[in-house]
């Protein structure tokens, strides 16, 4: 399957899941949880349901795509092999994290030790944010060596994913705290966490496209090299 075709399939799946999520969100808000037994399966703000399974699977698949590039790089670009290897392992970890909610466990550990509130109501964003900044700095030379299309694609997809996972997450945390203190349901909060999850899913779908597109260019180079050697 061509990378572009797969991308459109992934994008369609993301839009379908988000449509079901929005129906669930509005039902939860306007009908006071009356249909919770149905909507809980599609609400992206709830863990261990259909959106969680999809996000987990997509992240792990993105990780394996990166590992595949790492394997090919052994022949054509050995300098970059370790970067793709680590990137793949990080994505697989994030997929496991998504399914097992490891970040929330880490956040709970910090909640017992530090004061929280506002944008930092969920404190897991602090260690993850620091690690993300360090990771981006460490990968800067690697990104600069990639072809323009791949480099821009990885930066764009990464910015969308991190913008949702950390940026929008922090905004929704402040809204959640305000709604909790007021004792009301917040449609704004529901829409914010919907945007957050959409950005994460869309960012990874975009990442997969650019990685597989780059992989296709690498395999083409191998074929040309083999032909020239024969």
N, C-alpha and C. Protein backbone atom coordinates (compact mmCIF):
# COMPACT_ATOMS: atom_id res chain seq x y z
N UNK A 1 0.84 -1.20 0.00
CA UNK A 1 0.00 0.00 0.00
C UNK A 1 0.88 1.25 0.00
N UNK A 2 0.55 2.20 -0.86
CA UNK A 2 1.32 3.44 -0.94
C UNK A 2 1.16 4.25 0.33
N UNK A 3 2.22 4.96 0.76
CA UNK A 3 2.13 5.78 1.98
C UNK A 3 0.96 6.76 1.97
N UNK A 4 0.72 7.38 0.83
CA UNK A 4 -0.38 8.35 0.75
C UNK A 4 -1.73 7.67 0.96
N UNK A 5 -1.90 6.49 0.36
CA UNK A 5 -3.16 5.75 0.53
C UNK A 5 -3.38 5.37 1.99
N UNK A 6 -2.33 4.87 2.63
CA UNK A 6 -2.42 4.51 4.04
C UNK A 6 -2.75 5.73 4.88
N UNK A 7 -2.14 6.86 4.55
CA UNK A 7 -2.39 8.10 5.29
C UNK A 7 -3.87 8.48 5.24
N UNK A 8 -4.47 8.37 4.08
CA UNK A 8 -5.89 8.73 3.96
C UNK A 8 -6.78 7.74 4.72
N UNK A 9 -6.38 6.48 4.76
CA UNK A 9 -7.12 5.51 5.58
C UNK A 9 -7.03 5.89 7.05
N UNK A 10 -5.82 6.23 7.49
CA UNK A 10 -5.63 6.63 8.89
C UNK A 10 -6.39 7.90 9.21
N UNK A 11 -6.35 8.85 8.29
CA UNK A 11 -7.06 10.11 8.50
C UNK A 11 -8.56 9.86 8.58
N UNK A 12 -9.06 8.97 7.73
CA UNK A 12 -10.48 8.62 7.77
C UNK A 12 -10.86 7.98 9.10
N UNK A 13 -9.99 7.11 9.61
CA UNK A 13 -10.25 6.47 10.90
C UNK A 13 -10.27 7.50 12.02
N UNK A 14 -9.32 8.44 11.98
CA UNK A 14 -9.25 9.50 13.00
C UNK A 14 -10.52 10.34 12.97
N UNK A 15 -10.95 10.74 11.78
CA UNK A 15 -12.16 11.57 11.66
C UNK A 15 -13.40 10.81 12.11
N UNK A 16 -13.45 9.51 11.80
CA UNK A 16 -14.59 8.69 12.22
C UNK A 16 -14.66 8.60 13.74
N UNK A 17 -13.52 8.32 14.36
CA UNK A 17 -13.47 8.23 15.82
C UNK A 17 -13.83 9.55 16.46
N UNK A 18 -13.34 10.65 15.89
CA UNK A 18 -13.63 11.97 16.46
C UNK A 18 -15.10 12.34 16.29
N UNK A 19 -15.71 11.90 15.20
CA UNK A 19 -17.14 12.15 15.01
C UNK A 19 -17.95 11.44 16.09
N UNK A 20 -17.64 10.17 16.33
CA UNK A 20 -18.32 9.43 17.39
C UNK A 20 -18.05 10.06 18.75
N UNK A 21 -16.83 10.54 18.94
CA UNK A 21 -16.49 11.21 20.20
C UNK A 21 -17.33 12.46 20.41
N UNK A 22 -17.47 13.28 19.37
CA UNK A 22 -18.23 14.53 19.51
C UNK A 22 -19.70 14.24 19.80
N UNK A 23 -20.24 13.20 19.16
CA UNK A 23 -21.62 12.80 19.47
C UNK A 23 -21.71 12.41 20.95
N UNK A 24 -20.72 11.67 21.42
CA UNK A 24 -20.70 11.24 22.83
C UNK A 24 -20.57 12.43 23.77
N UNK A 25 -19.71 13.38 23.39
CA UNK A 25 -19.47 14.57 24.22
C UNK A 25 -20.74 15.40 24.37
N UNK A 26 -21.40 15.66 23.26
CA UNK A 26 -22.63 16.46 23.31
C UNK A 26 -23.74 15.72 24.06
N UNK A 27 -23.80 14.40 23.88
CA UNK A 27 -24.79 13.61 24.62
C UNK A 27 -24.51 13.68 26.12
N UNK A 28 -23.23 13.60 26.48
CA UNK A 28 -22.86 13.67 27.90
C UNK A 28 -23.20 15.02 28.50
N UNK A 29 -22.99 16.08 27.72
CA UNK A 29 -23.23 17.43 28.24
C UNK A 29 -24.71 17.78 28.30
N UNK A 30 -25.43 17.53 27.22
CA UNK A 30 -26.82 17.96 27.14
C UNK A 30 -27.81 16.99 27.78
N UNK A 31 -27.41 15.72 27.93
CA UNK A 31 -28.34 14.74 28.51
C UNK A 31 -27.86 14.24 29.87
N UNK A 32 -26.92 14.96 30.47
CA UNK A 32 -26.49 14.70 31.84
C UNK A 32 -26.06 13.25 32.06
N UNK A 33 -25.30 12.72 31.10
CA UNK A 33 -24.77 11.36 31.25
C UNK A 33 -25.80 10.26 31.12
N UNK A 34 -26.96 10.58 30.57
CA UNK A 34 -28.04 9.59 30.46
C UNK A 34 -27.63 8.38 29.63
N UNK A 35 -26.83 8.62 28.60
CA UNK A 35 -26.43 7.53 27.70
C UNK A 35 -24.98 7.11 27.94
N UNK A 36 -24.52 7.24 29.17
CA UNK A 36 -23.11 6.98 29.48
C UNK A 36 -22.67 5.57 29.10
N UNK A 37 -23.54 4.59 29.29
CA UNK A 37 -23.16 3.21 29.00
C UNK A 37 -22.81 3.00 27.53
N UNK A 38 -23.31 3.89 26.67
CA UNK A 38 -22.98 3.83 25.25
C UNK A 38 -21.83 4.77 24.93
N UNK A 39 -21.93 6.01 25.40
CA UNK A 39 -20.94 7.03 25.04
C UNK A 39 -19.56 6.75 25.61
N UNK A 40 -19.47 6.00 26.70
CA UNK A 40 -18.16 5.74 27.31
C UNK A 40 -17.23 4.97 26.37
N UNK A 41 -17.79 4.28 25.40
CA UNK A 41 -16.98 3.52 24.47
C UNK A 41 -16.30 4.40 23.42
N UNK A 42 -16.80 5.62 23.23
CA UNK A 42 -16.30 6.48 22.16
C UNK A 42 -15.74 7.82 22.65
N UNK A 43 -15.88 8.11 23.92
CA UNK A 43 -15.42 9.38 24.49
C UNK A 43 -13.90 9.35 24.64
N UNK A 44 -13.19 10.25 23.93
CA UNK A 44 -11.73 10.24 23.98
C UNK A 44 -11.20 10.71 25.33
N UNK A 45 -12.07 11.27 26.16
CA UNK A 45 -11.65 11.70 27.49
C UNK A 45 -11.67 10.59 28.51
N UNK A 46 -12.10 9.40 28.09
CA UNK A 46 -12.17 8.24 28.98
C UNK A 46 -11.14 7.22 28.51
N UNK A 47 -10.45 6.62 29.45
CA UNK A 47 -9.41 5.65 29.11
C UNK A 47 -10.00 4.26 28.88
N UNK A 48 -9.20 3.41 28.24
CA UNK A 48 -9.52 1.99 28.03
C UNK A 48 -10.82 1.80 27.24
N UNK A 49 -10.93 2.51 26.13
CA UNK A 49 -12.08 2.32 25.24
C UNK A 49 -11.59 2.29 23.80
N UNK A 50 -12.49 2.43 22.84
CA UNK A 50 -12.12 2.30 21.43
C UNK A 50 -11.08 3.34 20.99
N UNK A 51 -11.25 4.64 21.30
CA UNK A 51 -10.22 5.61 20.93
C UNK A 51 -8.85 5.30 21.55
N UNK A 52 -8.84 4.80 22.78
CA UNK A 52 -7.57 4.45 23.42
C UNK A 52 -6.88 3.31 22.67
N UNK A 53 -7.65 2.31 22.29
CA UNK A 53 -7.09 1.18 21.54
C UNK A 53 -6.51 1.67 20.22
N UNK A 54 -7.24 2.56 19.54
CA UNK A 54 -6.76 3.07 18.26
C UNK A 54 -5.47 3.87 18.45
N UNK A 55 -5.46 4.78 19.41
CA UNK A 55 -4.27 5.62 19.64
C UNK A 55 -3.07 4.77 20.00
N UNK A 56 -3.28 3.78 20.85
CA UNK A 56 -2.20 2.88 21.25
C UNK A 56 -1.64 2.13 20.05
N UNK A 57 -2.53 1.58 19.25
CA UNK A 57 -2.12 0.82 18.06
C UNK A 57 -1.39 1.70 17.07
N UNK A 58 -1.88 2.90 16.85
CA UNK A 58 -1.27 3.81 15.88
C UNK A 58 0.13 4.23 16.32
N UNK A 59 0.30 4.51 17.60
CA UNK A 59 1.61 4.89 18.12
C UNK A 59 2.61 3.74 18.00
N UNK A 60 2.18 2.54 18.34
CA UNK A 60 3.08 1.39 18.25
C UNK A 60 3.43 1.11 16.79
N UNK A 61 2.45 1.25 15.89
CA UNK A 61 2.72 1.07 14.47
C UNK A 61 3.73 2.10 13.98
N UNK A 62 3.58 3.35 14.42
CA UNK A 62 4.54 4.40 14.05
C UNK A 62 5.93 4.03 14.55
N UNK A 63 5.99 3.44 15.75
CA UNK A 63 7.27 3.01 16.29
C UNK A 63 7.92 1.93 15.44
N UNK A 64 7.14 0.95 15.01
CA UNK A 64 7.68 -0.12 14.17
C UNK A 64 8.10 0.40 12.79
N UNK A 65 7.38 1.40 12.28
CA UNK A 65 7.79 2.02 11.01
C UNK A 65 9.17 2.65 11.16
N UNK A 66 9.40 3.32 12.29
CA UNK A 66 10.70 3.94 12.55
C UNK A 66 11.79 2.88 12.71
N UNK A 67 11.47 1.78 13.36
CA UNK A 67 12.44 0.69 13.51
C UNK A 67 12.79 0.08 12.16
N UNK A 68 11.83 0.03 11.27
CA UNK A 68 12.07 -0.49 9.92
C UNK A 68 13.03 0.43 9.17
N UNK A 69 12.83 1.74 9.31
CA UNK A 69 13.75 2.70 8.69
C UNK A 69 15.15 2.52 9.28
N UNK A 70 15.22 2.30 10.59
CA UNK A 70 16.51 2.09 11.25
C UNK A 70 17.25 0.90 10.64
N UNK A 71 16.51 -0.15 10.35
CA UNK A 71 17.12 -1.34 9.77
C UNK A 71 17.66 -1.06 8.37
N UNK A 72 16.90 -0.33 7.58
CA UNK A 72 17.34 0.01 6.22
C UNK A 72 18.53 0.96 6.26
N UNK A 73 18.54 1.84 7.27
CA UNK A 73 19.63 2.82 7.39
C UNK A 73 20.98 2.16 7.65
N UNK A 74 20.99 0.93 8.09
CA UNK A 74 22.26 0.23 8.30
C UNK A 74 23.06 0.15 7.02
N UNK A 75 22.37 0.12 5.88
CA UNK A 75 23.04 0.01 4.59
C UNK A 75 23.34 1.37 3.97
N UNK A 76 22.40 2.31 4.08
CA UNK A 76 22.51 3.57 3.35
C UNK A 76 22.96 4.76 4.20
N UNK A 77 22.53 4.80 5.44
CA UNK A 77 22.84 5.96 6.28
C UNK A 77 23.09 5.51 7.71
N UNK A 78 24.18 4.75 7.94
CA UNK A 78 24.45 4.19 9.27
C UNK A 78 24.55 5.24 10.38
N UNK A 79 24.90 6.47 9.99
CA UNK A 79 25.00 7.54 10.99
C UNK A 79 23.66 7.83 11.65
N UNK A 80 22.57 7.60 10.90
CA UNK A 80 21.23 7.91 11.41
C UNK A 80 20.50 6.71 12.01
N UNK A 81 21.12 5.55 11.93
CA UNK A 81 20.43 4.33 12.37
C UNK A 81 19.99 4.42 13.83
N UNK A 82 20.89 4.85 14.70
CA UNK A 82 20.56 4.89 16.13
C UNK A 82 19.45 5.89 16.43
N UNK A 83 19.39 6.98 15.66
CA UNK A 83 18.34 7.98 15.86
C UNK A 83 16.97 7.38 15.56
N UNK A 84 16.88 6.65 14.45
CA UNK A 84 15.61 6.02 14.10
C UNK A 84 15.25 4.91 15.09
N UNK A 85 16.26 4.20 15.56
CA UNK A 85 16.04 3.14 16.54
C UNK A 85 15.45 3.70 17.83
N UNK A 86 16.08 4.75 18.37
CA UNK A 86 15.59 5.36 19.61
C UNK A 86 14.21 5.96 19.40
N UNK A 87 14.01 6.62 18.26
CA UNK A 87 12.70 7.21 17.97
C UNK A 87 11.62 6.14 17.95
N UNK A 88 11.92 5.00 17.33
CA UNK A 88 10.96 3.91 17.29
C UNK A 88 10.63 3.38 18.67
N UNK A 89 11.65 3.23 19.50
CA UNK A 89 11.43 2.73 20.86
C UNK A 89 10.63 3.72 21.70
N UNK A 90 10.89 5.01 21.51
CA UNK A 90 10.14 6.05 22.23
C UNK A 90 8.67 6.00 21.85
N UNK A 91 8.39 5.84 20.56
CA UNK A 91 7.00 5.79 20.10
C UNK A 91 6.28 4.55 20.62
N UNK A 92 6.98 3.43 20.65
CA UNK A 92 6.38 2.22 21.20
C UNK A 92 6.08 2.41 22.69
N UNK A 93 7.01 3.06 23.40
CA UNK A 93 6.75 3.36 24.81
C UNK A 93 5.53 4.26 24.97
N UNK A 94 5.43 5.28 24.12
CA UNK A 94 4.28 6.19 24.20
C UNK A 94 2.98 5.45 23.92
N UNK A 95 3.04 4.46 23.02
CA UNK A 95 1.86 3.65 22.76
C UNK A 95 1.46 2.84 23.98
N UNK A 96 2.46 2.23 24.63
CA UNK A 96 2.19 1.48 25.86
C UNK A 96 1.69 2.43 26.95
N UNK A 97 2.30 3.60 27.02
CA UNK A 97 1.88 4.63 27.99
C UNK A 97 0.42 5.00 27.77
N UNK A 98 0.05 5.18 26.51
CA UNK A 98 -1.33 5.55 26.19
C UNK A 98 -2.31 4.49 26.68
N UNK A 99 -1.95 3.23 26.49
CA UNK A 99 -2.85 2.16 26.90
C UNK A 99 -2.85 1.90 28.40
N UNK A 100 -1.68 2.05 29.02
CA UNK A 100 -1.55 1.74 30.45
C UNK A 100 -1.62 2.98 31.34
N UNK A 101 -1.76 4.16 30.72
CA UNK A 101 -1.84 5.46 31.44
C UNK A 101 -0.68 5.64 32.42
N UNK A 102 0.53 5.35 31.94
CA UNK A 102 1.72 5.50 32.78
C UNK A 102 1.92 6.95 33.19
N UNK A 103 1.65 7.88 32.26
CA UNK A 103 1.85 9.31 32.57
C UNK A 103 0.95 9.76 33.71
N UNK A 104 -0.24 9.20 33.78
CA UNK A 104 -1.14 9.57 34.88
C UNK A 104 -0.64 9.01 36.22
N UNK A 105 -0.03 7.84 36.18
CA UNK A 105 0.56 7.29 37.40
C UNK A 105 1.71 8.18 37.87
N UNK A 106 2.52 8.65 36.91
CA UNK A 106 3.61 9.55 37.26
C UNK A 106 3.05 10.85 37.83
N UNK A 107 1.99 11.35 37.21
CA UNK A 107 1.35 12.57 37.70
C UNK A 107 0.84 12.41 39.12
N UNK A 108 0.25 11.26 39.40
CA UNK A 108 -0.27 11.00 40.75
C UNK A 108 0.86 11.01 41.78
N UNK A 109 2.02 10.51 41.37
CA UNK A 109 3.19 10.51 42.26
C UNK A 109 3.60 11.94 42.60
N UNK A 110 3.58 12.83 41.61
CA UNK A 110 3.95 14.23 41.83
C UNK A 110 2.88 14.98 42.62
N UNK A 111 1.63 14.59 42.44
CA UNK A 111 0.53 15.29 43.12
C UNK A 111 0.66 15.20 44.64
N UNK A 112 1.26 14.12 45.11
CA UNK A 112 1.42 13.95 46.56
C UNK A 112 2.56 14.78 47.12
N UNK A 113 3.39 15.34 46.25
CA UNK A 113 4.59 16.03 46.70
C UNK A 113 4.65 17.51 46.34
N UNK A 114 3.90 17.91 45.34
CA UNK A 114 3.97 19.30 44.88
C UNK A 114 2.57 19.89 44.77
N UNK A 115 2.52 21.20 44.95
CA UNK A 115 1.25 21.90 44.77
C UNK A 115 0.93 21.98 43.29
N UNK A 116 -0.32 21.79 42.96
CA UNK A 116 -0.72 21.84 41.56
C UNK A 116 -1.88 22.79 41.38
N UNK A 117 -2.06 23.24 40.14
CA UNK A 117 -3.18 24.13 39.86
C UNK A 117 -3.00 24.82 38.52
N UNK A 118 -4.10 25.28 37.95
CA UNK A 118 -4.05 26.00 36.67
C UNK A 118 -3.55 25.12 35.55
N UNK A 119 -2.63 25.66 34.75
CA UNK A 119 -2.09 24.91 33.62
C UNK A 119 -1.29 23.68 34.06
N UNK A 120 -0.84 23.67 35.29
CA UNK A 120 -0.07 22.54 35.82
C UNK A 120 -0.90 21.71 36.78
N UNK A 121 -2.20 21.66 36.53
CA UNK A 121 -3.07 20.85 37.39
C UNK A 121 -2.70 19.38 37.26
N UNK A 122 -2.33 18.97 36.04
CA UNK A 122 -1.83 17.61 35.83
C UNK A 122 -0.32 17.70 35.68
N UNK A 123 0.39 17.33 36.74
CA UNK A 123 1.82 17.60 36.83
C UNK A 123 2.69 16.71 35.96
N UNK A 124 2.13 15.68 35.35
CA UNK A 124 2.95 14.83 34.49
C UNK A 124 3.51 15.61 33.30
N UNK A 125 2.87 16.73 32.95
CA UNK A 125 3.35 17.51 31.80
C UNK A 125 4.72 18.11 32.06
N UNK A 126 5.10 18.26 33.33
CA UNK A 126 6.41 18.86 33.65
C UNK A 126 7.56 17.93 33.24
N UNK A 127 7.64 16.69 33.77
CA UNK A 127 8.73 15.82 33.33
C UNK A 127 8.66 15.46 31.85
N UNK A 128 7.46 15.26 31.33
CA UNK A 128 7.33 14.93 29.91
C UNK A 128 7.71 16.12 29.04
N UNK A 129 7.37 17.33 29.48
CA UNK A 129 7.73 18.52 28.73
C UNK A 129 9.23 18.73 28.69
N UNK A 130 9.90 18.51 29.83
CA UNK A 130 11.36 18.64 29.89
C UNK A 130 12.02 17.61 28.99
N UNK A 131 11.56 16.38 29.06
CA UNK A 131 12.12 15.32 28.21
C UNK A 131 11.89 15.60 26.73
N UNK A 132 10.73 16.15 26.40
CA UNK A 132 10.43 16.49 25.01
C UNK A 132 11.37 17.56 24.50
N UNK A 133 11.62 18.59 25.31
CA UNK A 133 12.53 19.67 24.92
C UNK A 133 13.95 19.12 24.74
N UNK A 134 14.38 18.26 25.65
CA UNK A 134 15.71 17.66 25.54
C UNK A 134 15.80 16.79 24.29
N UNK A 135 14.77 16.02 24.03
CA UNK A 135 14.73 15.13 22.87
C UNK A 135 14.81 15.94 21.57
N UNK A 136 14.05 17.03 21.51
CA UNK A 136 14.05 17.88 20.31
C UNK A 136 15.44 18.47 20.06
N UNK A 137 16.10 18.91 21.13
CA UNK A 137 17.44 19.49 20.99
C UNK A 137 18.44 18.43 20.54
N UNK A 138 18.34 17.23 21.11
CA UNK A 138 19.26 16.15 20.76
C UNK A 138 19.08 15.69 19.32
N UNK A 139 17.86 15.80 18.81
CA UNK A 139 17.56 15.33 17.46
C UNK A 139 17.72 16.41 16.39
N UNK A 140 18.07 17.61 16.78
CA UNK A 140 18.20 18.70 15.81
C UNK A 140 19.22 18.38 14.71
N UNK A 141 20.44 17.92 15.04
CA UNK A 141 21.40 17.60 13.97
C UNK A 141 20.88 16.51 13.04
N UNK A 142 20.21 15.52 13.61
CA UNK A 142 19.64 14.43 12.82
C UNK A 142 18.60 14.95 11.84
N UNK A 143 17.72 15.83 12.30
CA UNK A 143 16.68 16.40 11.44
C UNK A 143 17.29 17.20 10.29
N UNK A 144 18.38 17.90 10.58
CA UNK A 144 19.01 18.73 9.55
C UNK A 144 19.64 17.88 8.44
N UNK A 145 19.92 16.62 8.71
CA UNK A 145 20.51 15.75 7.69
C UNK A 145 19.46 15.10 6.79
N UNK A 146 18.22 15.15 7.19
CA UNK A 146 17.16 14.51 6.41
C UNK A 146 16.79 15.34 5.18
N UNK A 147 16.21 14.71 4.16
CA UNK A 147 15.70 15.48 3.02
C UNK A 147 14.66 16.50 3.48
N UNK A 148 14.53 17.59 2.72
CA UNK A 148 13.63 18.68 3.12
C UNK A 148 12.21 18.20 3.43
N UNK A 149 11.66 17.38 2.54
CA UNK A 149 10.28 16.92 2.72
C UNK A 149 10.13 16.13 4.02
N UNK A 150 11.06 15.22 4.26
CA UNK A 150 10.99 14.39 5.47
C UNK A 150 11.21 15.24 6.71
N UNK A 151 12.19 16.13 6.66
CA UNK A 151 12.48 16.99 7.81
C UNK A 151 11.27 17.84 8.19
N UNK A 152 10.71 18.52 7.21
CA UNK A 152 9.55 19.39 7.48
C UNK A 152 8.35 18.57 7.94
N UNK A 153 8.19 17.38 7.37
CA UNK A 153 7.08 16.52 7.76
C UNK A 153 7.19 16.05 9.20
N UNK A 154 8.39 15.66 9.60
CA UNK A 154 8.59 15.20 10.98
C UNK A 154 8.42 16.35 11.97
N UNK A 155 8.92 17.52 11.60
CA UNK A 155 8.76 18.68 12.49
C UNK A 155 7.29 19.05 12.62
N UNK A 156 6.57 19.06 11.49
CA UNK A 156 5.15 19.42 11.50
C UNK A 156 4.34 18.41 12.31
N UNK A 157 4.54 17.14 12.04
CA UNK A 157 3.77 16.11 12.75
C UNK A 157 4.11 16.10 14.23
N UNK A 158 5.38 16.30 14.55
CA UNK A 158 5.79 16.35 15.96
C UNK A 158 5.20 17.54 16.68
N UNK A 159 5.18 18.70 15.99
CA UNK A 159 4.62 19.91 16.60
C UNK A 159 3.13 19.75 16.87
N UNK A 160 2.42 19.12 15.93
CA UNK A 160 0.98 18.89 16.11
C UNK A 160 0.75 17.94 17.28
N UNK A 161 1.52 16.86 17.33
CA UNK A 161 1.34 15.87 18.39
C UNK A 161 1.65 16.46 19.77
N UNK A 162 2.81 17.11 19.89
CA UNK A 162 3.21 17.69 21.18
C UNK A 162 2.29 18.86 21.55
N UNK A 163 1.88 19.64 20.54
CA UNK A 163 0.96 20.74 20.81
C UNK A 163 -0.33 20.27 21.43
N UNK A 164 -0.79 19.09 20.99
CA UNK A 164 -2.00 18.53 21.58
C UNK A 164 -1.73 17.86 22.91
N UNK A 165 -0.71 16.98 22.93
CA UNK A 165 -0.44 16.17 24.11
C UNK A 165 -0.02 16.99 25.33
N UNK A 166 0.69 18.09 25.10
CA UNK A 166 1.15 18.91 26.23
C UNK A 166 0.49 20.29 26.23
N UNK A 167 0.49 20.97 25.07
CA UNK A 167 -0.06 22.33 25.01
C UNK A 167 -1.54 22.41 25.33
N UNK A 168 -2.35 21.72 24.54
CA UNK A 168 -3.80 21.74 24.76
C UNK A 168 -4.15 21.04 26.07
N UNK A 169 -3.36 20.03 26.42
CA UNK A 169 -3.57 19.33 27.69
C UNK A 169 -3.49 20.30 28.87
N UNK A 170 -2.53 21.22 28.83
CA UNK A 170 -2.37 22.19 29.92
C UNK A 170 -3.54 23.16 29.98
N UNK A 171 -4.03 23.57 28.81
CA UNK A 171 -5.18 24.48 28.77
C UNK A 171 -6.43 23.77 29.30
N UNK A 172 -6.61 22.52 28.88
CA UNK A 172 -7.78 21.76 29.35
C UNK A 172 -7.68 21.47 30.84
N UNK A 173 -6.46 21.34 31.36
CA UNK A 173 -6.28 21.10 32.80
C UNK A 173 -6.81 22.27 33.61
N UNK A 174 -6.49 23.49 33.15
CA UNK A 174 -6.97 24.69 33.86
C UNK A 174 -8.49 24.78 33.80
N UNK A 175 -9.07 24.43 32.65
CA UNK A 175 -10.52 24.46 32.50
C UNK A 175 -11.18 23.39 33.36
N UNK A 176 -10.56 22.23 33.43
CA UNK A 176 -11.09 21.15 34.27
C UNK A 176 -11.11 21.56 35.74
N UNK A 177 -10.02 22.18 36.19
CA UNK A 177 -9.95 22.61 37.59
C UNK A 177 -11.02 23.64 37.90
N UNK A 178 -11.20 24.61 36.97
CA UNK A 178 -12.21 25.65 37.18
C UNK A 178 -13.61 25.06 37.24
N UNK A 179 -13.91 24.12 36.34
CA UNK A 179 -15.23 23.49 36.32
C UNK A 179 -15.44 22.63 37.57
N UNK A 180 -14.39 21.96 38.00
CA UNK A 180 -14.49 21.12 39.20
C UNK A 180 -14.78 21.96 40.43
N UNK A 181 -14.09 23.09 40.55
CA UNK A 181 -14.30 23.97 41.71
C UNK A 181 -15.69 24.60 41.69
N UNK A 182 -16.20 24.87 40.47
CA UNK A 182 -17.53 25.46 40.34
C UNK A 182 -18.63 24.41 40.45
N UNK A 183 -18.26 23.14 40.37
CA UNK A 183 -19.24 22.07 40.47
C UNK A 183 -20.15 21.97 39.27
N UNK A 184 -19.61 22.28 38.07
CA UNK A 184 -20.43 22.25 36.86
C UNK A 184 -19.74 21.41 35.79
N UNK A 185 -20.52 20.95 34.81
CA UNK A 185 -19.96 20.30 33.64
C UNK A 185 -19.52 21.38 32.67
N UNK A 186 -18.40 21.20 32.04
CA UNK A 186 -17.86 22.22 31.14
C UNK A 186 -17.78 21.69 29.71
N UNK A 187 -18.60 22.23 28.83
CA UNK A 187 -18.53 21.85 27.42
C UNK A 187 -17.19 22.26 26.83
N UNK A 188 -16.66 23.39 27.30
CA UNK A 188 -15.35 23.86 26.83
C UNK A 188 -14.28 22.83 27.13
N UNK A 189 -14.34 22.25 28.32
CA UNK A 189 -13.36 21.22 28.69
C UNK A 189 -13.51 20.00 27.80
N UNK A 190 -14.74 19.58 27.55
CA UNK A 190 -14.98 18.42 26.69
C UNK A 190 -14.40 18.66 25.29
N UNK A 191 -14.61 19.86 24.77
CA UNK A 191 -14.12 20.18 23.43
C UNK A 191 -12.60 20.30 23.41
N UNK A 192 -12.03 20.79 24.50
CA UNK A 192 -10.57 20.92 24.58
C UNK A 192 -9.90 19.55 24.57
N UNK A 193 -10.42 18.60 25.37
CA UNK A 193 -9.76 17.30 25.36
C UNK A 193 -10.04 16.56 24.05
N UNK A 194 -11.14 16.90 23.37
CA UNK A 194 -11.39 16.33 22.05
C UNK A 194 -10.37 16.85 21.05
N UNK A 195 -10.08 18.16 21.12
CA UNK A 195 -9.06 18.76 20.25
C UNK A 195 -7.69 18.15 20.53
N UNK A 196 -7.39 17.98 21.80
CA UNK A 196 -6.11 17.40 22.19
C UNK A 196 -5.91 16.02 21.56
N UNK A 197 -6.90 15.16 21.71
CA UNK A 197 -6.78 13.80 21.18
C UNK A 197 -6.76 13.79 19.65
N UNK A 198 -7.52 14.71 19.04
CA UNK A 198 -7.49 14.79 17.58
C UNK A 198 -6.10 15.17 17.10
N UNK A 199 -5.48 16.14 17.75
CA UNK A 199 -4.14 16.57 17.35
C UNK A 199 -3.13 15.44 17.52
N UNK A 200 -3.27 14.67 18.58
CA UNK A 200 -2.37 13.54 18.80
C UNK A 200 -2.53 12.50 17.69
N UNK A 201 -3.77 12.11 17.42
CA UNK A 201 -4.03 11.10 16.40
C UNK A 201 -3.62 11.58 15.01
N UNK A 202 -3.97 12.82 14.69
CA UNK A 202 -3.63 13.37 13.38
C UNK A 202 -2.12 13.52 13.22
N UNK A 203 -1.46 13.98 14.28
CA UNK A 203 -0.01 14.14 14.24
C UNK A 203 0.70 12.83 13.96
N UNK A 204 0.26 11.75 14.59
CA UNK A 204 0.89 10.45 14.38
C UNK A 204 0.57 9.90 13.00
N UNK A 205 -0.65 10.11 12.52
CA UNK A 205 -1.00 9.68 11.16
C UNK A 205 -0.10 10.37 10.14
N UNK A 206 0.13 11.66 10.34
CA UNK A 206 1.00 12.43 9.46
C UNK A 206 2.44 11.93 9.56
N UNK A 207 2.88 11.64 10.77
CA UNK A 207 4.22 11.11 10.99
C UNK A 207 4.42 9.81 10.23
N UNK A 208 3.45 8.91 10.32
CA UNK A 208 3.54 7.62 9.64
C UNK A 208 3.69 7.83 8.13
N UNK A 209 2.93 8.77 7.59
CA UNK A 209 3.02 9.03 6.15
C UNK A 209 4.43 9.45 5.76
N UNK A 210 4.99 10.42 6.47
CA UNK A 210 6.31 10.94 6.11
C UNK A 210 7.41 9.91 6.33
N UNK A 211 7.27 9.09 7.35
CA UNK A 211 8.27 8.05 7.60
C UNK A 211 8.22 6.98 6.51
N UNK A 212 7.03 6.54 6.16
CA UNK A 212 6.92 5.52 5.11
C UNK A 212 7.31 6.08 3.74
N UNK A 213 7.04 7.36 3.52
CA UNK A 213 7.47 8.00 2.27
C UNK A 213 9.00 8.03 2.20
N UNK A 214 9.63 8.33 3.32
CA UNK A 214 11.10 8.33 3.38
C UNK A 214 11.64 6.92 3.20
N UNK A 215 10.97 5.94 3.81
CA UNK A 215 11.38 4.55 3.67
C UNK A 215 11.31 4.11 2.21
N UNK A 216 10.27 4.54 1.52
CA UNK A 216 10.13 4.21 0.09
C UNK A 216 11.28 4.77 -0.72
N UNK A 217 11.71 5.99 -0.38
CA UNK A 217 12.83 6.59 -1.10
C UNK A 217 14.13 5.85 -0.81
N UNK A 218 14.28 5.36 0.41
CA UNK A 218 15.49 4.60 0.77
C UNK A 218 15.53 3.27 0.03
N UNK A 219 14.41 2.57 -0.01
CA UNK A 219 14.38 1.28 -0.70
C UNK A 219 14.61 1.45 -2.20
N UNK A 220 14.13 2.56 -2.75
CA UNK A 220 14.38 2.85 -4.17
C UNK A 220 15.87 3.04 -4.40
N UNK A 221 16.54 3.70 -3.46
CA UNK A 221 17.98 3.92 -3.57
C UNK A 221 18.74 2.59 -3.52
N UNK A 222 18.27 1.67 -2.68
CA UNK A 222 18.90 0.35 -2.59
C UNK A 222 18.75 -0.41 -3.90
N UNK A 223 17.55 -0.34 -4.49
CA UNK A 223 17.30 -1.03 -5.76
C UNK A 223 18.19 -0.47 -6.86
N UNK A 224 18.33 0.85 -6.90
CA UNK A 224 19.18 1.47 -7.91
C UNK A 224 20.64 1.07 -7.72
N UNK A 225 21.06 1.01 -6.46
CA UNK A 225 22.44 0.63 -6.16
C UNK A 225 22.71 -0.81 -6.57
N UNK A 226 21.76 -1.70 -6.31
CA UNK A 226 21.92 -3.11 -6.69
C UNK A 226 21.98 -3.27 -8.20
N UNK A 227 21.16 -2.49 -8.91
CA UNK A 227 21.17 -2.57 -10.37
C UNK A 227 22.49 -2.07 -10.94
N UNK A 228 23.02 -1.02 -10.35
CA UNK A 228 24.28 -0.45 -10.85
C UNK A 228 25.46 -1.38 -10.57
N UNK A 229 25.32 -2.21 -9.51
CA UNK A 229 26.41 -3.12 -9.16
C UNK A 229 26.40 -4.38 -10.01
N UNK A 230 25.25 -4.65 -10.66
CA UNK A 230 25.15 -5.89 -11.45
C UNK A 230 25.44 -5.65 -12.92
